[in-house]
């Protein structure tokens, strides 16, 4: 198969990570998710735990409340978040240059917007489906699972919308949007594989 990069945006609890990993396995390429944290840490000099704590989180707003010291602290934290994010973006660009791969989140579709070999996918699911998945994997109550989903979706949306001129989760932002709650993980992957093959086949040389 010709050169390609598949980016996977996803709602929290939709199974987007599972889709990405299985998709990469079937394509015979690597899937980059948490690995991007390590790569960003290595290039930026920031501790891996620091990068992980800021990963796809809403950026800290500037604030003058509490006087100059508080502002400098907030401003500094904001800069660290920007540094961590752009270190990941640079890693994504390098990966796209050097190999076929699947990349999870991190605004990768927008970072690679000028790369003609990028296919962007967004994975969503009905809320009830996502709640059940989070309850199972994290061992929490239904109410707690819903709160976790809402918080993480809000963070991902704010992060994506800050760094791009598109809207997270909006259909026109991506090449393909798929609901795992309709097809399940394996059939979703098969559906995406068919889409990828058709898309690459029909691309002009």
N, C-alpha and C. Protein backbone atom coordinates (compact mmCIF):
# COMPACT_ATOMS: atom_id res chain seq x y z
N UNK A 1 0.84 -1.19 0.00
CA UNK A 1 0.00 0.00 0.00
C UNK A 1 0.88 1.24 0.00
N UNK A 2 0.42 2.30 -0.68
CA UNK A 2 1.20 3.53 -0.78
C UNK A 2 1.32 4.24 0.57
N UNK A 3 2.07 5.34 0.59
CA UNK A 3 2.33 6.07 1.83
C UNK A 3 1.04 6.64 2.41
N UNK A 4 0.88 6.52 3.72
CA UNK A 4 -0.32 7.04 4.38
C UNK A 4 -0.07 7.26 5.87
N UNK A 5 -0.89 8.14 6.43
CA UNK A 5 -0.97 8.31 7.88
C UNK A 5 -2.45 8.38 8.23
N UNK A 6 -2.88 7.57 9.18
CA UNK A 6 -4.27 7.57 9.63
C UNK A 6 -4.33 8.23 11.00
N UNK A 7 -5.13 9.29 11.12
CA UNK A 7 -5.29 9.94 12.41
C UNK A 7 -6.65 9.56 12.99
N UNK A 8 -6.65 9.30 14.29
CA UNK A 8 -7.87 8.87 14.98
C UNK A 8 -8.23 9.85 16.09
N UNK A 9 -9.25 10.66 15.86
CA UNK A 9 -9.83 11.45 16.94
C UNK A 9 -10.89 10.58 17.60
N UNK A 10 -11.21 10.87 18.86
CA UNK A 10 -12.18 9.97 19.51
C UNK A 10 -12.82 10.61 20.72
N UNK A 11 -14.11 10.28 20.91
CA UNK A 11 -14.80 10.63 22.14
C UNK A 11 -14.30 9.70 23.24
N UNK A 12 -14.26 10.20 24.45
CA UNK A 12 -13.79 9.39 25.56
C UNK A 12 -14.77 8.24 25.81
N UNK A 13 -14.21 7.03 25.90
CA UNK A 13 -15.04 5.85 26.16
C UNK A 13 -15.62 5.21 24.92
N UNK A 14 -15.32 5.77 23.75
CA UNK A 14 -15.88 5.24 22.50
C UNK A 14 -15.14 4.02 21.99
N UNK A 15 -13.96 3.74 22.57
CA UNK A 15 -13.14 2.64 22.07
C UNK A 15 -12.20 3.06 20.96
N UNK A 16 -11.97 4.36 20.85
CA UNK A 16 -11.11 4.88 19.79
C UNK A 16 -9.69 4.33 19.84
N UNK A 17 -9.17 4.17 21.03
CA UNK A 17 -7.81 3.62 21.17
C UNK A 17 -7.78 2.17 20.71
N UNK A 18 -8.80 1.39 21.08
CA UNK A 18 -8.87 -0.01 20.66
C UNK A 18 -8.99 -0.10 19.15
N UNK A 19 -9.79 0.78 18.56
CA UNK A 19 -9.93 0.83 17.11
C UNK A 19 -8.59 1.13 16.46
N UNK A 20 -7.89 2.13 16.99
CA UNK A 20 -6.60 2.54 16.42
C UNK A 20 -5.58 1.40 16.46
N UNK A 21 -5.51 0.71 17.60
CA UNK A 21 -4.54 -0.38 17.74
C UNK A 21 -4.85 -1.55 16.82
N UNK A 22 -6.12 -1.92 16.73
CA UNK A 22 -6.50 -3.03 15.85
C UNK A 22 -6.32 -2.64 14.38
N UNK A 23 -6.64 -1.40 14.06
CA UNK A 23 -6.47 -0.90 12.70
C UNK A 23 -5.00 -0.95 12.29
N UNK A 24 -4.12 -0.49 13.18
CA UNK A 24 -2.68 -0.51 12.90
C UNK A 24 -2.19 -1.94 12.71
N UNK A 25 -2.70 -2.84 13.55
CA UNK A 25 -2.31 -4.25 13.45
C UNK A 25 -2.69 -4.83 12.09
N UNK A 26 -3.90 -4.52 11.64
CA UNK A 26 -4.36 -5.06 10.36
C UNK A 26 -3.66 -4.41 9.17
N UNK A 27 -3.20 -3.17 9.36
CA UNK A 27 -2.47 -2.49 8.30
C UNK A 27 -0.98 -2.84 8.32
N UNK A 28 -0.54 -3.47 9.40
CA UNK A 28 0.86 -3.85 9.53
C UNK A 28 1.77 -2.67 9.81
N UNK A 29 1.23 -1.67 10.57
CA UNK A 29 2.03 -0.48 10.90
C UNK A 29 1.96 -0.24 12.41
N UNK A 30 2.71 0.74 12.88
CA UNK A 30 2.71 1.09 14.30
C UNK A 30 1.56 2.05 14.64
N UNK A 31 1.09 1.92 15.87
CA UNK A 31 0.10 2.85 16.40
C UNK A 31 0.79 3.71 17.45
N UNK A 32 0.66 5.02 17.32
CA UNK A 32 1.29 5.95 18.27
C UNK A 32 0.21 6.64 19.10
N UNK A 33 0.29 6.42 20.41
CA UNK A 33 -0.64 7.01 21.35
C UNK A 33 0.17 7.58 22.52
N UNK A 34 0.28 6.80 23.60
CA UNK A 34 1.11 7.27 24.73
C UNK A 34 2.57 7.43 24.32
N UNK A 35 2.98 6.75 23.27
CA UNK A 35 4.36 6.86 22.79
C UNK A 35 4.71 8.31 22.44
N UNK A 36 3.70 9.08 22.04
CA UNK A 36 3.94 10.49 21.70
C UNK A 36 4.36 11.30 22.92
N UNK A 37 3.91 10.87 24.08
CA UNK A 37 4.33 11.54 25.33
C UNK A 37 5.83 11.37 25.53
N UNK A 38 6.30 10.15 25.37
CA UNK A 38 7.73 9.87 25.52
C UNK A 38 8.56 10.63 24.48
N UNK A 39 8.07 10.67 23.26
CA UNK A 39 8.78 11.36 22.19
C UNK A 39 8.85 12.86 22.47
N UNK A 40 7.74 13.42 22.94
CA UNK A 40 7.71 14.85 23.25
C UNK A 40 8.61 15.17 24.44
N UNK A 41 8.62 14.28 25.42
CA UNK A 41 9.48 14.46 26.59
C UNK A 41 10.94 14.47 26.18
N UNK A 42 11.31 13.53 25.33
CA UNK A 42 12.70 13.41 24.90
C UNK A 42 13.17 14.64 24.14
N UNK A 43 12.31 15.19 23.28
CA UNK A 43 12.72 16.33 22.46
C UNK A 43 12.65 17.66 23.20
N UNK A 44 11.76 17.75 24.19
CA UNK A 44 11.56 19.03 24.89
C UNK A 44 12.37 19.15 26.17
N UNK A 45 12.78 17.99 26.73
CA UNK A 45 13.47 18.01 28.01
C UNK A 45 12.52 18.04 29.19
N UNK A 46 11.20 18.05 28.92
CA UNK A 46 10.21 18.02 29.99
C UNK A 46 10.08 16.59 30.52
N UNK A 47 9.81 16.46 31.81
CA UNK A 47 9.66 15.13 32.40
C UNK A 47 8.43 14.44 31.79
N UNK A 48 8.53 13.14 31.51
CA UNK A 48 7.39 12.41 30.93
C UNK A 48 6.09 12.59 31.71
N UNK A 49 6.18 12.60 33.04
CA UNK A 49 4.97 12.76 33.85
C UNK A 49 4.36 14.14 33.65
N UNK A 50 5.21 15.15 33.43
CA UNK A 50 4.72 16.51 33.18
C UNK A 50 3.97 16.55 31.85
N UNK A 51 4.58 15.96 30.82
CA UNK A 51 3.93 15.95 29.50
C UNK A 51 2.62 15.18 29.57
N UNK A 52 2.63 14.05 30.25
CA UNK A 52 1.43 13.22 30.37
C UNK A 52 0.31 13.97 31.10
N UNK A 53 0.67 14.74 32.12
CA UNK A 53 -0.33 15.46 32.90
C UNK A 53 -1.00 16.58 32.10
N UNK A 54 -0.32 17.04 31.04
CA UNK A 54 -0.84 18.13 30.21
C UNK A 54 -1.44 17.62 28.90
N UNK A 55 -1.33 16.32 28.68
CA UNK A 55 -1.69 15.72 27.39
C UNK A 55 -3.18 15.88 27.09
N UNK A 56 -3.50 16.57 26.00
CA UNK A 56 -4.88 16.79 25.55
C UNK A 56 -5.77 17.37 26.65
N UNK A 57 -5.19 18.25 27.45
CA UNK A 57 -5.95 18.93 28.50
C UNK A 57 -6.23 20.37 28.08
N UNK A 58 -7.33 20.92 28.58
CA UNK A 58 -7.64 22.32 28.32
C UNK A 58 -6.50 23.17 28.85
N UNK A 59 -6.10 24.19 28.09
CA UNK A 59 -4.98 25.01 28.51
C UNK A 59 -5.37 25.93 29.66
N UNK A 60 -4.41 26.16 30.58
CA UNK A 60 -4.65 27.05 31.71
C UNK A 60 -4.86 28.47 31.22
N UNK A 61 -5.95 29.12 31.61
CA UNK A 61 -6.18 30.49 31.16
C UNK A 61 -5.25 31.47 31.86
N UNK A 62 -4.92 32.55 31.17
CA UNK A 62 -4.16 33.62 31.82
C UNK A 62 -5.06 34.28 32.87
N UNK A 63 -4.48 34.71 33.96
CA UNK A 63 -5.26 35.37 35.00
C UNK A 63 -4.40 36.35 35.76
N UNK A 64 -4.99 37.51 36.04
CA UNK A 64 -4.30 38.52 36.85
C UNK A 64 -4.75 38.44 38.31
N UNK A 65 -5.68 37.55 38.58
CA UNK A 65 -6.18 37.44 39.94
C UNK A 65 -5.06 37.04 40.89
N UNK A 66 -5.03 37.66 42.05
CA UNK A 66 -4.05 37.29 43.07
C UNK A 66 -2.72 37.99 42.90
N UNK A 67 -2.61 38.91 41.93
CA UNK A 67 -1.38 39.69 41.81
C UNK A 67 -0.38 39.08 40.84
N UNK A 68 0.74 39.78 40.69
CA UNK A 68 1.74 39.44 39.70
C UNK A 68 2.32 38.05 39.86
N UNK A 69 2.54 37.60 41.08
CA UNK A 69 3.17 36.29 41.29
C UNK A 69 2.28 35.18 40.76
N UNK A 70 0.98 35.30 41.03
CA UNK A 70 0.04 34.30 40.53
C UNK A 70 0.03 34.32 39.00
N UNK A 71 0.05 35.52 38.42
CA UNK A 71 0.02 35.65 36.97
C UNK A 71 1.26 35.00 36.35
N UNK A 72 2.42 35.25 36.92
CA UNK A 72 3.64 34.66 36.38
C UNK A 72 3.60 33.15 36.45
N UNK A 73 3.06 32.64 37.56
CA UNK A 73 2.95 31.20 37.72
C UNK A 73 2.01 30.62 36.67
N UNK A 74 0.87 31.27 36.48
CA UNK A 74 -0.11 30.80 35.50
C UNK A 74 0.46 30.91 34.10
N UNK A 75 1.12 32.03 33.84
CA UNK A 75 1.70 32.27 32.53
C UNK A 75 2.77 31.22 32.21
N UNK A 76 3.57 30.90 33.21
CA UNK A 76 4.60 29.90 33.03
C UNK A 76 4.02 28.53 32.75
N UNK A 77 2.96 28.17 33.49
CA UNK A 77 2.31 26.88 33.28
C UNK A 77 1.75 26.80 31.86
N UNK A 78 1.18 27.91 31.42
CA UNK A 78 0.62 27.96 30.07
C UNK A 78 1.71 27.71 29.04
N UNK A 79 2.87 28.33 29.24
CA UNK A 79 3.98 28.14 28.31
C UNK A 79 4.46 26.69 28.28
N UNK A 80 4.48 26.04 29.44
CA UNK A 80 4.88 24.64 29.49
C UNK A 80 3.89 23.79 28.70
N UNK A 81 2.60 24.09 28.81
CA UNK A 81 1.59 23.36 28.05
C UNK A 81 1.80 23.55 26.55
N UNK A 82 2.09 24.78 26.14
CA UNK A 82 2.35 25.06 24.73
C UNK A 82 3.59 24.29 24.27
N UNK A 83 4.62 24.30 25.09
CA UNK A 83 5.86 23.60 24.75
C UNK A 83 5.63 22.10 24.60
N UNK A 84 4.88 21.53 25.54
CA UNK A 84 4.59 20.10 25.49
C UNK A 84 3.78 19.75 24.25
N UNK A 85 2.81 20.60 23.93
CA UNK A 85 1.96 20.35 22.77
C UNK A 85 2.76 20.40 21.48
N UNK A 86 3.57 21.44 21.32
CA UNK A 86 4.32 21.58 20.07
C UNK A 86 5.41 20.53 19.94
N UNK A 87 5.90 20.02 21.04
CA UNK A 87 6.85 18.91 20.97
C UNK A 87 6.16 17.67 20.41
N UNK A 88 4.91 17.46 20.80
CA UNK A 88 4.14 16.35 20.23
C UNK A 88 3.85 16.59 18.75
N UNK A 89 3.51 17.82 18.40
CA UNK A 89 3.21 18.13 17.00
C UNK A 89 4.43 17.87 16.11
N UNK A 90 5.60 18.25 16.60
CA UNK A 90 6.82 18.01 15.84
C UNK A 90 7.09 16.52 15.67
N UNK A 91 6.81 15.76 16.73
CA UNK A 91 6.98 14.31 16.66
C UNK A 91 6.03 13.71 15.63
N UNK A 92 4.81 14.21 15.59
CA UNK A 92 3.81 13.74 14.62
C UNK A 92 4.27 14.01 13.19
N UNK A 93 4.81 15.19 12.95
CA UNK A 93 5.28 15.54 11.61
C UNK A 93 6.45 14.64 11.19
N UNK A 94 7.33 14.34 12.13
CA UNK A 94 8.46 13.46 11.82
C UNK A 94 7.99 12.06 11.48
N UNK A 95 7.03 11.57 12.24
CA UNK A 95 6.49 10.24 11.98
C UNK A 95 5.87 10.18 10.58
N UNK A 96 5.12 11.22 10.23
CA UNK A 96 4.46 11.25 8.92
C UNK A 96 5.46 11.27 7.77
N UNK A 97 6.62 11.84 8.02
CA UNK A 97 7.66 11.89 7.00
C UNK A 97 8.31 10.52 6.79
N UNK A 98 8.42 9.79 7.88
CA UNK A 98 9.28 8.60 7.88
C UNK A 98 8.59 7.25 7.77
N UNK A 99 7.28 7.19 8.06
CA UNK A 99 6.65 5.88 8.05
C UNK A 99 5.14 5.96 7.91
N UNK A 100 4.56 4.87 7.46
CA UNK A 100 3.11 4.71 7.51
C UNK A 100 2.74 4.38 8.95
N UNK A 101 1.69 4.99 9.45
CA UNK A 101 1.33 4.76 10.86
C UNK A 101 -0.08 5.22 11.16
N UNK A 102 -0.53 4.88 12.36
CA UNK A 102 -1.80 5.34 12.90
C UNK A 102 -1.47 6.20 14.12
N UNK A 103 -2.05 7.40 14.19
CA UNK A 103 -1.78 8.32 15.28
C UNK A 103 -3.09 8.66 15.99
N UNK A 104 -3.07 8.55 17.31
CA UNK A 104 -4.28 8.76 18.12
C UNK A 104 -4.29 10.18 18.70
N UNK A 105 -5.34 10.94 18.42
CA UNK A 105 -5.55 12.24 19.04
C UNK A 105 -4.48 13.27 18.75
N UNK A 106 -4.24 14.15 19.72
CA UNK A 106 -3.18 15.18 19.69
C UNK A 106 -3.29 16.12 18.49
N UNK A 107 -4.51 16.36 18.02
CA UNK A 107 -4.75 17.30 16.91
C UNK A 107 -3.98 16.87 15.65
N UNK A 108 -3.66 15.58 15.54
CA UNK A 108 -2.81 15.10 14.46
C UNK A 108 -3.38 15.40 13.08
N UNK A 109 -4.70 15.31 12.93
CA UNK A 109 -5.29 15.57 11.62
C UNK A 109 -5.02 17.01 11.17
N UNK A 110 -5.07 17.94 12.12
CA UNK A 110 -4.81 19.34 11.77
C UNK A 110 -3.32 19.61 11.60
N UNK A 111 -2.51 19.01 12.45
CA UNK A 111 -1.06 19.15 12.33
C UNK A 111 -0.60 18.68 10.95
N UNK A 112 -1.25 17.66 10.41
CA UNK A 112 -0.88 17.08 9.12
C UNK A 112 -1.81 17.52 7.99
N UNK A 113 -2.45 18.67 8.16
CA UNK A 113 -3.44 19.12 7.18
C UNK A 113 -2.86 19.32 5.79
N UNK A 114 -1.56 19.61 5.70
CA UNK A 114 -0.92 19.83 4.40
C UNK A 114 -0.30 18.55 3.84
N UNK A 115 -0.45 17.46 4.58
CA UNK A 115 0.07 16.17 4.13
C UNK A 115 -1.01 15.46 3.31
N UNK A 116 -0.81 15.29 2.00
CA UNK A 116 -1.86 14.72 1.15
C UNK A 116 -2.15 13.25 1.44
N UNK A 117 -1.28 12.62 2.21
CA UNK A 117 -1.44 11.20 2.50
C UNK A 117 -2.14 10.93 3.83
N UNK A 118 -2.68 11.97 4.44
CA UNK A 118 -3.36 11.83 5.72
C UNK A 118 -4.84 11.53 5.53
N UNK A 119 -5.34 10.55 6.26
CA UNK A 119 -6.77 10.25 6.29
C UNK A 119 -7.23 10.40 7.74
N UNK A 120 -8.17 11.29 7.96
CA UNK A 120 -8.61 11.59 9.33
C UNK A 120 -9.93 10.90 9.65
N UNK A 121 -9.93 10.22 10.78
CA UNK A 121 -11.10 9.47 11.25
C UNK A 121 -11.51 9.99 12.62
N UNK A 122 -12.82 10.07 12.86
CA UNK A 122 -13.29 10.40 14.21
C UNK A 122 -14.21 9.29 14.70
N UNK A 123 -13.90 8.78 15.89
CA UNK A 123 -14.67 7.69 16.51
C UNK A 123 -15.57 8.25 17.59
N UNK A 124 -16.86 7.98 17.47
CA UNK A 124 -17.82 8.40 18.49
C UNK A 124 -18.65 7.18 18.91
N UNK A 125 -19.54 7.39 19.86
CA UNK A 125 -20.44 6.32 20.31
C UNK A 125 -21.55 6.94 21.13
N UNK A 126 -22.66 6.25 21.22
CA UNK A 126 -23.76 6.72 22.07
C UNK A 126 -23.28 6.80 23.51
N UNK A 127 -23.83 7.73 24.27
CA UNK A 127 -23.39 7.95 25.65
C UNK A 127 -23.57 6.70 26.50
N UNK A 128 -24.68 6.01 26.37
CA UNK A 128 -24.91 4.81 27.18
C UNK A 128 -23.82 3.76 26.94
N UNK A 129 -23.42 3.61 25.70
CA UNK A 129 -22.36 2.67 25.33
C UNK A 129 -21.05 3.07 25.99
N UNK A 130 -20.75 4.35 25.96
CA UNK A 130 -19.51 4.84 26.55
C UNK A 130 -19.52 4.70 28.07
N UNK A 131 -20.65 4.97 28.67
CA UNK A 131 -20.77 4.83 30.13
C UNK A 131 -20.51 3.39 30.54
N UNK A 132 -21.09 2.44 29.82
CA UNK A 132 -20.89 1.03 30.13
C UNK A 132 -19.42 0.63 30.01
N UNK A 133 -18.74 1.14 29.00
CA UNK A 133 -17.32 0.82 28.81
C UNK A 133 -16.48 1.36 29.95
N UNK A 134 -16.75 2.60 30.36
CA UNK A 134 -15.97 3.21 31.44
C UNK A 134 -16.28 2.52 32.78
N UNK A 135 -17.52 2.18 33.01
CA UNK A 135 -17.88 1.45 34.23
C UNK A 135 -17.11 0.13 34.31
N UNK A 136 -16.99 -0.55 33.18
CA UNK A 136 -16.31 -1.84 33.13
C UNK A 136 -14.81 -1.70 33.32
N UNK A 137 -14.20 -0.75 32.59
CA UNK A 137 -12.74 -0.65 32.59
C UNK A 137 -12.19 0.06 33.82
N UNK A 138 -12.97 0.98 34.40
CA UNK A 138 -12.46 1.74 35.53
C UNK A 138 -13.12 1.36 36.85
N UNK A 139 -14.11 0.48 36.79
CA UNK A 139 -14.76 0.00 38.00
C UNK A 139 -15.45 1.10 38.79
N UNK A 140 -16.16 1.98 38.09
CA UNK A 140 -16.83 3.10 38.75
C UNK A 140 -18.33 3.01 38.54
N UNK A 141 -19.06 3.83 39.26
CA UNK A 141 -20.51 3.85 39.13
C UNK A 141 -20.93 4.53 37.82
N UNK A 142 -22.19 4.36 37.48
CA UNK A 142 -22.71 4.98 36.27
C UNK A 142 -22.57 6.50 36.31
N UNK A 143 -22.88 7.08 37.45
CA UNK A 143 -22.80 8.53 37.61
C UNK A 143 -21.36 9.02 37.48
N UNK A 144 -20.43 8.30 38.10
CA UNK A 144 -19.01 8.66 38.04
C UNK A 144 -18.49 8.51 36.62
N UNK A 145 -18.90 7.46 35.94
CA UNK A 145 -18.46 7.23 34.56
C UNK A 145 -18.89 8.38 33.66
N UNK A 146 -20.11 8.82 33.83
CA UNK A 146 -20.61 9.93 33.00
C UNK A 146 -19.82 11.21 33.26
N UNK A 147 -19.48 11.46 34.53
CA UNK A 147 -18.69 12.65 34.87
C UNK A 147 -17.30 12.59 34.23
N UNK A 148 -16.70 11.39 34.26
CA UNK A 148 -15.37 11.21 33.66
C UNK A 148 -15.43 11.48 32.16
N UNK A 149 -16.47 10.98 31.52
CA UNK A 149 -16.63 11.17 30.07
C UNK A 149 -16.79 12.64 29.73
N UNK A 150 -17.66 13.32 30.45
CA UNK A 150 -17.91 14.74 30.19
C UNK A 150 -16.64 15.56 30.37
N UNK A 151 -15.90 15.29 31.44
CA UNK A 151 -14.66 16.03 31.72
C UNK A 151 -13.63 15.82 30.63
N UNK A 152 -13.42 14.56 30.23
CA UNK A 152 -12.40 14.27 29.23
C UNK A 152 -12.79 14.77 27.84
N UNK A 153 -14.05 14.66 27.49
CA UNK A 153 -14.50 15.21 26.21
C UNK A 153 -14.32 16.73 26.17
N UNK A 154 -14.63 17.37 27.29
CA UNK A 154 -14.47 18.83 27.35
C UNK A 154 -13.01 19.23 27.17
N UNK A 155 -12.12 18.50 27.85
CA UNK A 155 -10.69 18.79 27.72
C UNK A 155 -10.20 18.59 26.29
N UNK A 156 -10.58 17.48 25.68
CA UNK A 156 -10.14 17.19 24.32
C UNK A 156 -10.66 18.23 23.34
N UNK A 157 -11.91 18.63 23.51
CA UNK A 157 -12.50 19.63 22.62
C UNK A 157 -11.78 20.98 22.76
N UNK A 158 -11.55 21.41 24.00
CA UNK A 158 -10.88 22.69 24.21
C UNK A 158 -9.45 22.67 23.67
N UNK A 159 -8.76 21.57 23.87
CA UNK A 159 -7.38 21.42 23.39
C UNK A 159 -7.36 21.47 21.86
N UNK A 160 -8.23 20.69 21.24
CA UNK A 160 -8.29 20.64 19.78
C UNK A 160 -8.67 21.99 19.19
N UNK A 161 -9.71 22.60 19.74
CA UNK A 161 -10.21 23.86 19.21
C UNK A 161 -9.21 25.00 19.40
N UNK A 162 -8.37 24.91 20.44
CA UNK A 162 -7.35 25.93 20.69
C UNK A 162 -6.27 25.89 19.62
N UNK A 163 -5.85 24.68 19.25
CA UNK A 163 -4.71 24.54 18.35
C UNK A 163 -5.09 24.45 16.87
N UNK A 164 -6.35 24.36 16.56
CA UNK A 164 -6.76 24.25 15.16
C UNK A 164 -7.81 25.32 14.83
N UNK A 165 -8.14 25.42 13.54
CA UNK A 165 -9.23 26.33 13.15
C UNK A 165 -10.48 25.53 12.81
N UNK A 166 -10.53 24.30 13.31
CA UNK A 166 -11.69 23.44 13.11
C UNK A 166 -12.34 23.14 14.45
N UNK A 167 -13.41 22.37 14.42
CA UNK A 167 -14.14 22.04 15.64
C UNK A 167 -14.06 20.55 15.92
N UNK A 168 -13.62 20.22 17.13
CA UNK A 168 -13.47 18.82 17.55
C UNK A 168 -14.81 18.10 17.47
N UNK A 169 -14.82 16.94 16.81
CA UNK A 169 -16.01 16.11 16.76
C UNK A 169 -17.02 16.49 15.70
N UNK A 170 -16.81 17.60 15.01
CA UNK A 170 -17.76 18.02 13.97
C UNK A 170 -17.48 17.25 12.68
N UNK A 171 -18.52 16.73 12.06
CA UNK A 171 -18.35 15.81 10.93
C UNK A 171 -17.49 16.38 9.81
N UNK A 172 -17.67 17.66 9.47
CA UNK A 172 -16.94 18.23 8.34
C UNK A 172 -15.45 18.41 8.62
N UNK A 173 -15.06 18.23 9.88
CA UNK A 173 -13.65 18.35 10.25
C UNK A 173 -12.84 17.14 9.77
N UNK A 174 -13.50 15.99 9.58
CA UNK A 174 -12.81 14.73 9.32
C UNK A 174 -13.21 14.11 7.99
N UNK A 175 -12.39 13.17 7.52
CA UNK A 175 -12.71 12.44 6.30
C UNK A 175 -13.81 11.42 6.54
N UNK A 176 -13.84 10.87 7.76
CA UNK A 176 -14.83 9.84 8.08
C UNK A 176 -15.14 9.86 9.57
N UNK A 177 -16.42 9.77 9.91
CA UNK A 177 -16.85 9.65 11.30
C UNK A 177 -17.63 8.33 11.45
N UNK A 178 -17.30 7.57 12.49
CA UNK A 178 -17.92 6.26 12.68
C UNK A 178 -18.33 6.08 14.14
N UNK A 179 -19.48 5.45 14.35
CA UNK A 179 -19.96 5.14 15.70
C UNK A 179 -19.67 3.68 16.05
N UNK A 180 -18.86 3.48 17.08
CA UNK A 180 -18.59 2.11 17.51
C UNK A 180 -19.80 1.46 18.16
N UNK A 181 -20.71 2.28 18.68
CA UNK A 181 -21.90 1.72 19.32
C UNK A 181 -22.85 1.11 18.29
N UNK A 182 -22.65 1.42 17.02
CA UNK A 182 -23.45 0.83 15.95
C UNK A 182 -22.81 -0.45 15.43
N UNK A 183 -21.50 -0.40 15.18
CA UNK A 183 -20.82 -1.52 14.54
C UNK A 183 -20.01 -2.41 15.48
N UNK A 184 -19.65 -1.91 16.66
CA UNK A 184 -18.71 -2.63 17.51
C UNK A 184 -17.29 -2.36 17.04
N UNK A 185 -16.30 -2.72 17.86
CA UNK A 185 -14.91 -2.39 17.58
C UNK A 185 -14.41 -3.06 16.29
N UNK A 186 -14.55 -4.37 16.17
CA UNK A 186 -13.98 -5.09 15.04
C UNK A 186 -14.62 -4.70 13.71
N UNK A 187 -15.93 -4.56 13.67
CA UNK A 187 -16.60 -4.18 12.43
C UNK A 187 -16.31 -2.73 12.08
N UNK A 188 -16.12 -1.90 13.10
CA UNK A 188 -15.72 -0.51 12.84
C UNK A 188 -14.37 -0.49 12.14
N UNK A 189 -13.45 -1.30 12.62
CA UNK A 189 -12.12 -1.38 12.01
C UNK A 189 -12.22 -1.87 10.57
N UNK A 190 -13.02 -2.89 10.33
CA UNK A 190 -13.18 -3.41 8.97
C UNK A 190 -13.77 -2.35 8.05
N UNK A 191 -14.73 -1.59 8.56
CA UNK A 191 -15.36 -0.52 7.78
C UNK A 191 -14.33 0.55 7.43
N UNK A 192 -13.50 0.93 8.41
CA UNK A 192 -12.47 1.94 8.18
C UNK A 192 -11.43 1.44 7.18
N UNK A 193 -11.06 0.16 7.28
CA UNK A 193 -10.11 -0.42 6.33
C UNK A 193 -10.62 -0.31 4.90
N UNK A 194 -11.88 -0.61 4.69
CA UNK A 194 -12.47 -0.49 3.35
C UNK A 194 -12.41 0.96 2.88
N UNK A 195 -12.71 1.88 3.78
CA UNK A 195 -12.69 3.30 3.43
C UNK A 195 -11.28 3.75 3.06
N UNK A 196 -10.30 3.31 3.84
CA UNK A 196 -8.90 3.67 3.57
C UNK A 196 -8.47 3.16 2.20
N UNK A 197 -8.77 1.92 1.91
CA UNK A 197 -8.37 1.32 0.63
C UNK A 197 -9.00 2.05 -0.54
N UNK A 198 -10.29 2.38 -0.41
CA UNK A 198 -10.96 3.11 -1.47
C UNK A 198 -10.42 4.53 -1.62
N UNK A 199 -10.13 5.17 -0.50
CA UNK A 199 -9.61 6.54 -0.53
C UNK A 199 -8.24 6.59 -1.18
N UNK A 200 -7.35 5.69 -0.80
CA UNK A 200 -6.01 5.68 -1.37
C UNK A 200 -6.05 5.30 -2.85
N UNK A 201 -6.93 4.38 -3.19
CA UNK A 201 -7.05 3.95 -4.58
C UNK A 201 -7.52 5.08 -5.49
N UNK A 202 -8.42 5.92 -4.97
CA UNK A 202 -9.01 6.98 -5.79
C UNK A 202 -8.25 8.29 -5.77
N UNK A 203 -7.17 8.36 -4.97
CA UNK A 203 -6.38 9.59 -4.92
C UNK A 203 -5.62 9.78 -6.23
N UNK A 204 -5.61 11.03 -6.75
CA UNK A 204 -4.87 11.27 -7.99
C UNK A 204 -3.39 11.10 -7.80
N UNK A 205 -2.69 10.61 -8.80
CA UNK A 205 -1.25 10.37 -8.72
C UNK A 205 -0.51 11.68 -8.89
